[in-house]
Structure formats: structure tokens, C-alpha cells
Amino acid sequence: MVLSSTNASKKPFFIIERCKPSLGYNSSGSHTPQIMIKFIMPLVSATPFSHPLTDRRQSDRALRVRRGVQLMMSEKGFAVLPELSLANGRRADLAGLSKDGRIWIIEIKSSVEDMRADNKWQDYLEFCDAFAFASLPEVPRTIFPAATGFIVADHFGAEIIDPPLEGKPLSAARRKAVTLRFARAASQRLMAAEWAAADKTV
């Protein structure tokens, strides 16, 4: 079964595929169907059609990196949110929230020129437990600060080459503030997606 949301031109916004169920066992020993839901496209996409979650800030190259990192972090149990605004006015390319409340920030650099123009990455460190750059395989690791984490990614996945930089532990107040920003931003985007989908069915 496939569920999808489309715009007026019938281009897909997101697609959720219900895969063939497998059988597991519950506590009573009986079979329980296990349903896996697969996201085919990210909620926030650069696909050029009118939608409240359409993201035109990122290049196609950057979106390839973003998708790969999202897939990897999701596999590691993170909730992942792109373009999270922080209290200092910076915007994290990707923010990840682990099951135990740890916060990662990933800065995407899709080219040598993109990295050379960056002078703000240290501004993210006070808002996360771990920080890393992510880029495409053809972008050399040597242009990135040696002390930071580094992730290689493409449209199909990502690999951590150097572990994320872990700085000073966040205070309880800062952790709560960032987590609340994450939760509110995610909720607002979900509501926008729901309303946009509903508008197309009216």
C-alpha cells in the first residue's frame, strides 16, 4: 500500500510505502504482524513546486548530502530536523536528537567554495553535544578543520569518517531550550504539511 501527498500538478511531496509485513512474536507467543513504513522522499524537499515545506535555500548537491545524513542518523535512532533556527540567529543545516536527549548539529558543505566561505561553524558548538561537517565524496577532507567530525554522504546514505567534535556539556537550561525549539519546529512543519495535503483533497 502506498500513501502519498501531491500538489495540483501531481508531483509527489512525500510518499510513505507500507512494506510487506513480517511475522514476529508477542509476549504471549502468538504471531504479531510487524509493519515497516518506508519514507521515499524527505518532508522538506527542493522539488520546485509550491508547498509550505519546499526548501529553495539548498542546492541539489547539498540536498544529496542532507538526505544521506538523514538516512544514516535515522538508522542510529536520531530524530532529524533540517534548518533549525538557534537562539543566536544561526540556522543549523541538520539537527539530530537522540533517544537519550543528546543533540548533534551537522553543517553541510557541498563544495570547496562553500567551505571556504564559512566562518561561522564555531557558533554552533554552544548549542549541541556533538558537531560535524558533512560533504560529498569528491570534496577533500583536508579543507575542513581537523578537530571537527566529518561525514561523507550522498543521496543513498552516509558514513562517519571522523567522530563528531564533542565540546563542553550543555547546561540543563540550554539543553531544554534547544530541545523545545526542535520539538516546536517539527510540530509546526508537520501541521503545515497536514494542512497542505488537506487543501489538495478539498
C-alpha atoms as a PDB file:
ATOM      1  CA  MET A   1       0.000   0.000   0.000  1.00  0.00           C
ATOM      2  CA  VAL A   2       1.355   3.459  -0.860  1.00  0.00           C
ATOM      3  CA  LEU A   3       0.214   6.701   0.709  1.00  0.00           C
ATOM      4  CA  SER A   4       1.231   9.955  -0.916  1.00  0.00           C
ATOM      5  CA  SER A   5       0.659  13.691  -0.808  1.00  0.00           C
ATOM      6  CA  THR A   6       0.679  15.617  -4.073  1.00  0.00           C
ATOM      7  CA  ASN A   7       0.260  19.142  -5.296  1.00  0.00           C
ATOM      8  CA  ALA A   8      -2.033  20.356  -8.018  1.00  0.00           C
ATOM      9  CA  SER A   9       0.437  19.351 -10.745  1.00  0.00           C
ATOM     10  CA  LYS A  10       0.510  15.794  -9.355  1.00  0.00           C
ATOM     11  CA  LYS A  11       4.191  15.928  -8.399  1.00  0.00           C
ATOM     12  CA  PRO A  12       4.781  13.910  -5.199  1.00  0.00           C
ATOM     13  CA  PHE A  13       5.586  15.759  -1.986  1.00  0.00           C
ATOM     14  CA  PHE A  14       6.204  12.756   0.190  1.00  0.00           C
ATOM     15  CA  ILE A  15       5.446   9.073  -0.220  1.00  0.00           C
ATOM     16  CA  ILE A  16       5.077   6.508   2.529  1.00  0.00           C
ATOM     17  CA  GLU A  17       5.267   2.906   1.485  1.00  0.00           C
ATOM     18  CA  ARG A  18       3.844   0.172   3.653  1.00  0.00           C
ATOM     19  CA  CYS A  19       6.183  -2.719   3.076  1.00  0.00           C
ATOM     20  CA  LYS A  20       5.259  -6.385   3.136  1.00  0.00           C
ATOM     21  CA  PRO A  21       4.734  -7.303   6.797  1.00  0.00           C
ATOM     22  CA  SER A  22       6.874  -9.897   8.515  1.00  0.00           C
ATOM     23  CA  LEU A  23       5.755 -12.036  11.439  1.00  0.00           C
ATOM     24  CA  GLY A  24       7.110 -11.605  14.925  1.00  0.00           C
ATOM     25  CA  TYR A  25       6.120 -12.947  18.331  1.00  0.00           C
ATOM     26  CA  ASN A  26       4.484 -11.037  21.139  1.00  0.00           C
ATOM     27  CA  SER A  27       4.796 -11.793  24.852  1.00  0.00           C
ATOM     28  CA  SER A  28       2.089 -14.455  24.656  1.00  0.00           C
ATOM     29  CA  GLY A  29       3.970 -16.358  21.968  1.00  0.00           C
ATOM     30  CA  SER A  30       1.482 -15.674  19.181  1.00  0.00           C
ATOM     31  CA  HIS A  31       2.312 -14.180  15.817  1.00  0.00           C
ATOM     32  CA  THR A  32       2.146 -10.389  15.548  1.00  0.00           C
ATOM     33  CA  PRO A  33       2.400  -8.614  12.184  1.00  0.00           C
ATOM     34  CA  GLN A  34       5.280  -6.147  12.049  1.00  0.00           C
ATOM     35  CA  ILE A  35       4.604  -3.257   9.654  1.00  0.00           C
ATOM     36  CA  MET A  36       7.546  -1.218   8.379  1.00  0.00           C
ATOM     37  CA  ILE A  37       6.875   2.211   6.914  1.00  0.00           C
ATOM     38  CA  LYS A  38       9.444   3.499   4.452  1.00  0.00           C
ATOM     39  CA  PHE A  39       9.893   7.191   3.629  1.00  0.00           C
ATOM     40  CA  ILE A  40      10.680   7.516  -0.067  1.00  0.00           C
ATOM     41  CA  MET A  41      11.233  11.299  -0.056  1.00  0.00           C
ATOM     42  CA  PRO A  42      12.082  13.757   2.747  1.00  0.00           C
ATOM     43  CA  LEU A  43       9.355  16.063   4.024  1.00  0.00           C
ATOM     44  CA  VAL A  44      11.476  19.103   3.268  1.00  0.00           C
ATOM     45  CA  SER A  45      12.435  18.965  -0.392  1.00  0.00           C
ATOM     46  CA  ALA A  46      13.940  21.186  -3.059  1.00  0.00           C
ATOM     47  CA  THR A  47      11.485  19.894  -5.658  1.00  0.00           C
ATOM     48  CA  PRO A  48      10.321  23.057  -7.458  1.00  0.00           C
ATOM     49  CA  PHE A  49       6.616  23.216  -6.687  1.00  0.00           C
ATOM     50  CA  SER A  50       4.592  25.381  -4.356  1.00  0.00           C
ATOM     51  CA  HIS A  51       4.386  23.873  -0.884  1.00  0.00           C
ATOM     52  CA  PRO A  52       4.940  25.319   2.610  1.00  0.00           C
ATOM     53  CA  LEU A  53       7.852  22.949   3.265  1.00  0.00           C
ATOM     54  CA  THR A  54       9.610  23.457  -0.055  1.00  0.00           C
ATOM     55  CA  ASP A  55      13.217  24.413   0.653  1.00  0.00           C
ATOM     56  CA  ARG A  56      14.851  26.513  -2.055  1.00  0.00           C
ATOM     57  CA  ARG A  57      17.831  27.615   0.041  1.00  0.00           C
ATOM     58  CA  GLN A  58      19.808  24.431  -0.610  1.00  0.00           C
ATOM     59  CA  SER A  59      21.427  23.372  -3.865  1.00  0.00           C
ATOM     60  CA  ASP A  60      20.823  19.938  -5.363  1.00  0.00           C
ATOM     61  CA  ARG A  61      24.308  18.919  -4.189  1.00  0.00           C
ATOM     62  CA  ALA A  62      23.576  19.999  -0.628  1.00  0.00           C
ATOM     63  CA  LEU A  63      20.266  18.140  -0.662  1.00  0.00           C
ATOM     64  CA  ARG A  64      22.067  14.950  -1.709  1.00  0.00           C
ATOM     65  CA  VAL A  65      24.283  15.275   1.353  1.00  0.00           C
ATOM     66  CA  ARG A  66      21.339  16.114   3.590  1.00  0.00           C
ATOM     67  CA  ARG A  67      19.335  13.102   2.513  1.00  0.00           C
ATOM     68  CA  GLY A  68      22.255  10.740   3.077  1.00  0.00           C
ATOM     69  CA  VAL A  69      22.945  12.107   6.551  1.00  0.00           C
ATOM     70  CA  GLN A  70      19.245  11.970   7.425  1.00  0.00           C
ATOM     71  CA  LEU A  71      19.135   8.302   6.460  1.00  0.00           C
ATOM     72  CA  MET A  72      22.245   7.468   8.486  1.00  0.00           C
ATOM     73  CA  MET A  73      21.128   9.348  11.593  1.00  0.00           C
ATOM     74  CA  SER A  74      17.643   7.850  11.412  1.00  0.00           C
ATOM     75  CA  GLU A  75      19.226   4.394  11.371  1.00  0.00           C
ATOM     76  CA  LYS A  76      21.150   5.375  14.509  1.00  0.00           C
ATOM     77  CA  GLY A  77      17.907   6.270  16.287  1.00  0.00           C
ATOM     78  CA  PHE A  78      18.011  10.058  15.897  1.00  0.00           C
ATOM     79  CA  ALA A  79      15.078  12.287  15.110  1.00  0.00           C
ATOM     80  CA  VAL A  80      16.452  14.628  12.444  1.00  0.00           C
ATOM     81  CA  LEU A  81      15.290  18.117  11.542  1.00  0.00           C
ATOM     82  CA  PRO A  82      16.737  20.308   8.785  1.00  0.00           C
ATOM     83  CA  GLU A  83      17.145  24.072   9.030  1.00  0.00           C
ATOM     84  CA  LEU A  84      16.684  24.518  12.788  1.00  0.00           C
ATOM     85  CA  SER A  85      16.911  28.144  13.913  1.00  0.00           C
ATOM     86  CA  LEU A  86      19.000  28.705  17.045  1.00  0.00           C
ATOM     87  CA  ALA A  87      18.834  31.392  19.715  1.00  0.00           C
ATOM     88  CA  ASN A  88      21.932  33.173  18.373  1.00  0.00           C
ATOM     89  CA  GLY A  89      20.342  33.656  14.954  1.00  0.00           C
ATOM     90  CA  ARG A  90      22.241  30.838  13.259  1.00  0.00           C
ATOM     91  CA  ARG A  91      20.420  28.096  11.407  1.00  0.00           C
ATOM     92  CA  ALA A  92      21.648  24.508  11.738  1.00  0.00           C
ATOM     93  CA  ASP A  93      21.623  22.638   8.425  1.00  0.00           C
ATOM     94  CA  LEU A  94      20.687  19.457  10.283  1.00  0.00           C
ATOM     95  CA  ALA A  95      19.899  18.950  13.960  1.00  0.00           C
ATOM     96  CA  GLY A  96      19.651  15.473  15.420  1.00  0.00           C
ATOM     97  CA  LEU A  97      18.032  14.485  18.711  1.00  0.00           C
ATOM     98  CA  SER A  98      18.982  11.072  20.087  1.00  0.00           C
ATOM     99  CA  LYS A  99      16.803   8.809  22.180  1.00  0.00           C
ATOM    100  CA  ASP A 100      18.673   9.867  25.325  1.00  0.00           C
ATOM    101  CA  GLY A 101      18.388  13.585  24.514  1.00  0.00           C
ATOM    102  CA  ARG A 102      21.825  14.229  23.027  1.00  0.00           C
ATOM    103  CA  ILE A 103      21.915  16.937  20.355  1.00  0.00           C
ATOM    104  CA  TRP A 104      24.008  16.768  17.193  1.00  0.00           C
ATOM    105  CA  ILE A 105      24.431  19.555  14.671  1.00  0.00           C
ATOM    106  CA  ILE A 106      25.632  18.768  11.158  1.00  0.00           C
ATOM    107  CA  GLU A 107      26.880  21.548   8.888  1.00  0.00           C
ATOM    108  CA  ILE A 108      26.579  20.671   5.192  1.00  0.00           C
ATOM    109  CA  LYS A 109      29.240  21.853   2.761  1.00  0.00           C
ATOM    110  CA  SER A 110      28.721  20.689  -0.793  1.00  0.00           C
ATOM    111  CA  SER A 111      31.854  22.154  -2.399  1.00  0.00           C
ATOM    112  CA  VAL A 112      35.307  23.579  -1.705  1.00  0.00           C
ATOM    113  CA  GLU A 113      33.989  27.089  -2.335  1.00  0.00           C
ATOM    114  CA  ASP A 114      31.120  26.541   0.083  1.00  0.00           C
ATOM    115  CA  MET A 115      33.538  25.583   2.858  1.00  0.00           C
ATOM    116  CA  ARG A 116      35.960  28.419   2.177  1.00  0.00           C
ATOM    117  CA  ALA A 117      33.119  30.909   2.587  1.00  0.00           C
ATOM    118  CA  ASP A 118      32.249  29.525   6.023  1.00  0.00           C
ATOM    119  CA  ASN A 119      33.352  31.443   9.096  1.00  0.00           C
ATOM    120  CA  LYS A 120      30.537  30.642  11.466  1.00  0.00           C
ATOM    121  CA  TRP A 121      30.772  26.951  12.351  1.00  0.00           C
ATOM    122  CA  GLN A 122      32.071  27.604  15.874  1.00  0.00           C
ATOM    123  CA  ASP A 123      28.833  29.471  16.622  1.00  0.00           C
ATOM    124  CA  TYR A 124      27.020  26.115  16.661  1.00  0.00           C
ATOM    125  CA  LEU A 125      29.145  24.481  19.354  1.00  0.00           C
ATOM    126  CA  GLU A 126      27.339  26.036  22.324  1.00  0.00           C
ATOM    127  CA  PHE A 127      24.030  24.527  21.149  1.00  0.00           C
ATOM    128  CA  CYS A 128      24.987  20.872  20.699  1.00  0.00           C
ATOM    129  CA  ASP A 129      26.725  17.910  22.295  1.00  0.00           C
ATOM    130  CA  ALA A 130      28.432  16.949  19.041  1.00  0.00           C
ATOM    131  CA  PHE A 131      29.261  18.765  15.809  1.00  0.00           C
ATOM    132  CA  ALA A 132      30.381  17.564  12.389  1.00  0.00           C
ATOM    133  CA  PHE A 133      30.703  18.686   8.807  1.00  0.00           C
ATOM    134  CA  ALA A 134      29.156  16.606   6.027  1.00  0.00           C
ATOM    135  CA  SER A 135      30.053  16.691   2.362  1.00  0.00           C
ATOM    136  CA  LEU A 136      30.107  14.731  -0.877  1.00  0.00           C
ATOM    137  CA  PRO A 137      32.800  12.094  -1.561  1.00  0.00           C
ATOM    138  CA  GLU A 138      34.588  14.294  -4.098  1.00  0.00           C
ATOM    139  CA  VAL A 139      35.133  17.153  -1.619  1.00  0.00           C
ATOM    140  CA  PRO A 140      38.505  16.642   0.132  1.00  0.00           C
ATOM    141  CA  ARG A 141      38.597  16.123   3.884  1.00  0.00           C
ATOM    142  CA  THR A 142      41.698  18.324   4.134  1.00  0.00           C
ATOM    143  CA  ILE A 143      39.760  21.575   3.623  1.00  0.00           C
ATOM    144  CA  PHE A 144      37.785  21.029   6.834  1.00  0.00           C
ATOM    145  CA  PRO A 145      39.106  21.763  10.352  1.00  0.00           C
ATOM    146  CA  ALA A 146      40.971  18.694  11.597  1.00  0.00           C
ATOM    147  CA  ALA A 147      39.395  18.868  15.053  1.00  0.00           C
ATOM    148  CA  THR A 148      35.815  18.586  13.801  1.00  0.00           C
ATOM    149  CA  GLY A 149      33.865  15.491  12.897  1.00  0.00           C
ATOM    150  CA  PHE A 150      33.485  14.635   9.235  1.00  0.00           C
ATOM    151  CA  ILE A 151      30.783  12.705   7.383  1.00  0.00           C
ATOM    152  CA  VAL A 152      30.819  11.632   3.740  1.00  0.00           C
ATOM    153  CA  ALA A 153      27.357  11.374   2.225  1.00  0.00           C
ATOM    154  CA  ASP A 154      25.398  11.032  -0.981  1.00  0.00           C
ATOM    155  CA  HIS A 155      21.746  10.518  -1.880  1.00  0.00           C
ATOM    156  CA  PHE A 156      21.769   6.920  -0.634  1.00  0.00           C
ATOM    157  CA  GLY A 157      23.481   7.133   2.739  1.00  0.00           C
ATOM    158  CA  ALA A 158      26.406   8.437   4.757  1.00  0.00           C
ATOM    159  CA  GLU A 159      29.473   7.290   6.661  1.00  0.00           C
ATOM    160  CA  ILE A 160      31.192   8.916   9.641  1.00  0.00           C
ATOM    161  CA  ILE A 161      34.870   9.316   8.728  1.00  0.00           C
ATOM    162  CA  ASP A 162      35.902  11.231  11.865  1.00  0.00           C
ATOM    163  CA  PRO A 163      33.752  11.195  15.020  1.00  0.00           C
ATOM    164  CA  PRO A 164      31.807  14.396  15.728  1.00  0.00           C
ATOM    165  CA  LEU A 165      33.540  17.024  17.834  1.00  0.00           C
ATOM    166  CA  GLU A 166      32.268  16.901  21.410  1.00  0.00           C
ATOM    167  CA  GLY A 167      32.660  20.127  23.330  1.00  0.00           C
ATOM    168  CA  LYS A 168      31.629  21.382  26.737  1.00  0.00           C
ATOM    169  CA  PRO A 169      28.493  19.598  28.036  1.00  0.00           C
ATOM    170  CA  LEU A 170      25.318  21.603  27.593  1.00  0.00           C
ATOM    171  CA  SER A 171      23.731  23.066  30.689  1.00  0.00           C
ATOM    172  CA  ALA A 172      20.320  21.706  31.640  1.00  0.00           C
ATOM    173  CA  ALA A 173      18.696  25.028  30.693  1.00  0.00           C
ATOM    174  CA  ARG A 174      20.395  25.161  27.277  1.00  0.00           C
ATOM    175  CA  ARG A 175      19.532  21.526  26.530  1.00  0.00           C
ATOM    176  CA  LYS A 176      15.893  22.157  27.398  1.00  0.00           C
ATOM    177  CA  ALA A 177      15.784  25.303  25.255  1.00  0.00           C
ATOM    178  CA  VAL A 178      17.257  23.587  22.170  1.00  0.00           C
ATOM    179  CA  THR A 179      15.032  20.540  22.626  1.00  0.00           C
ATOM    180  CA  LEU A 180      11.940  22.760  22.852  1.00  0.00           C
ATOM    181  CA  ARG A 181      12.973  24.573  19.669  1.00  0.00           C
ATOM    182  CA  PHE A 182      13.400  21.229  17.949  1.00  0.00           C
ATOM    183  CA  ALA A 183      10.005  19.949  19.107  1.00  0.00           C
ATOM    184  CA  ARG A 184       8.124  23.135  18.220  1.00  0.00           C
ATOM    185  CA  ALA A 185       9.715  23.429  14.768  1.00  0.00           C
ATOM    186  CA  ALA A 186       8.961  19.778  13.987  1.00  0.00           C
ATOM    187  CA  SER A 187       5.358  20.144  15.142  1.00  0.00           C
ATOM    188  CA  GLN A 188       4.772  23.314  13.138  1.00  0.00           C
ATOM    189  CA  ARG A 189       6.161  21.738   9.950  1.00  0.00           C
ATOM    190  CA  LEU A 190       4.041  18.638  10.423  1.00  0.00           C
ATOM    191  CA  MET A 191       0.937  20.790  10.806  1.00  0.00           C
ATOM    192  CA  ALA A 192       1.859  22.774   7.665  1.00  0.00           C
ATOM    193  CA  ALA A 193       2.293  19.526   5.724  1.00  0.00           C
ATOM    194  CA  GLU A 194      -1.028  18.183   7.016  1.00  0.00           C
ATOM    195  CA  TRP A 195      -2.901  21.346   6.060  1.00  0.00           C
ATOM    196  CA  ALA A 196      -1.292  21.475   2.626  1.00  0.00           C
ATOM    197  CA  ALA A 197      -2.259  17.854   1.987  1.00  0.00           C
ATOM    198  CA  ALA A 198      -5.817  18.527   3.191  1.00  0.00           C
ATOM    199  CA  ASP A 199      -6.124  21.552   0.889  1.00  0.00           C
ATOM    200  CA  LYS A 200      -5.416  19.368  -2.133  1.00  0.00           C
ATOM    201  CA  THR A 201      -8.202  16.940  -1.244  1.00  0.00           C
ATOM    202  CA  VAL A 202     -10.942  19.544  -0.760  1.00  0.00           C
END
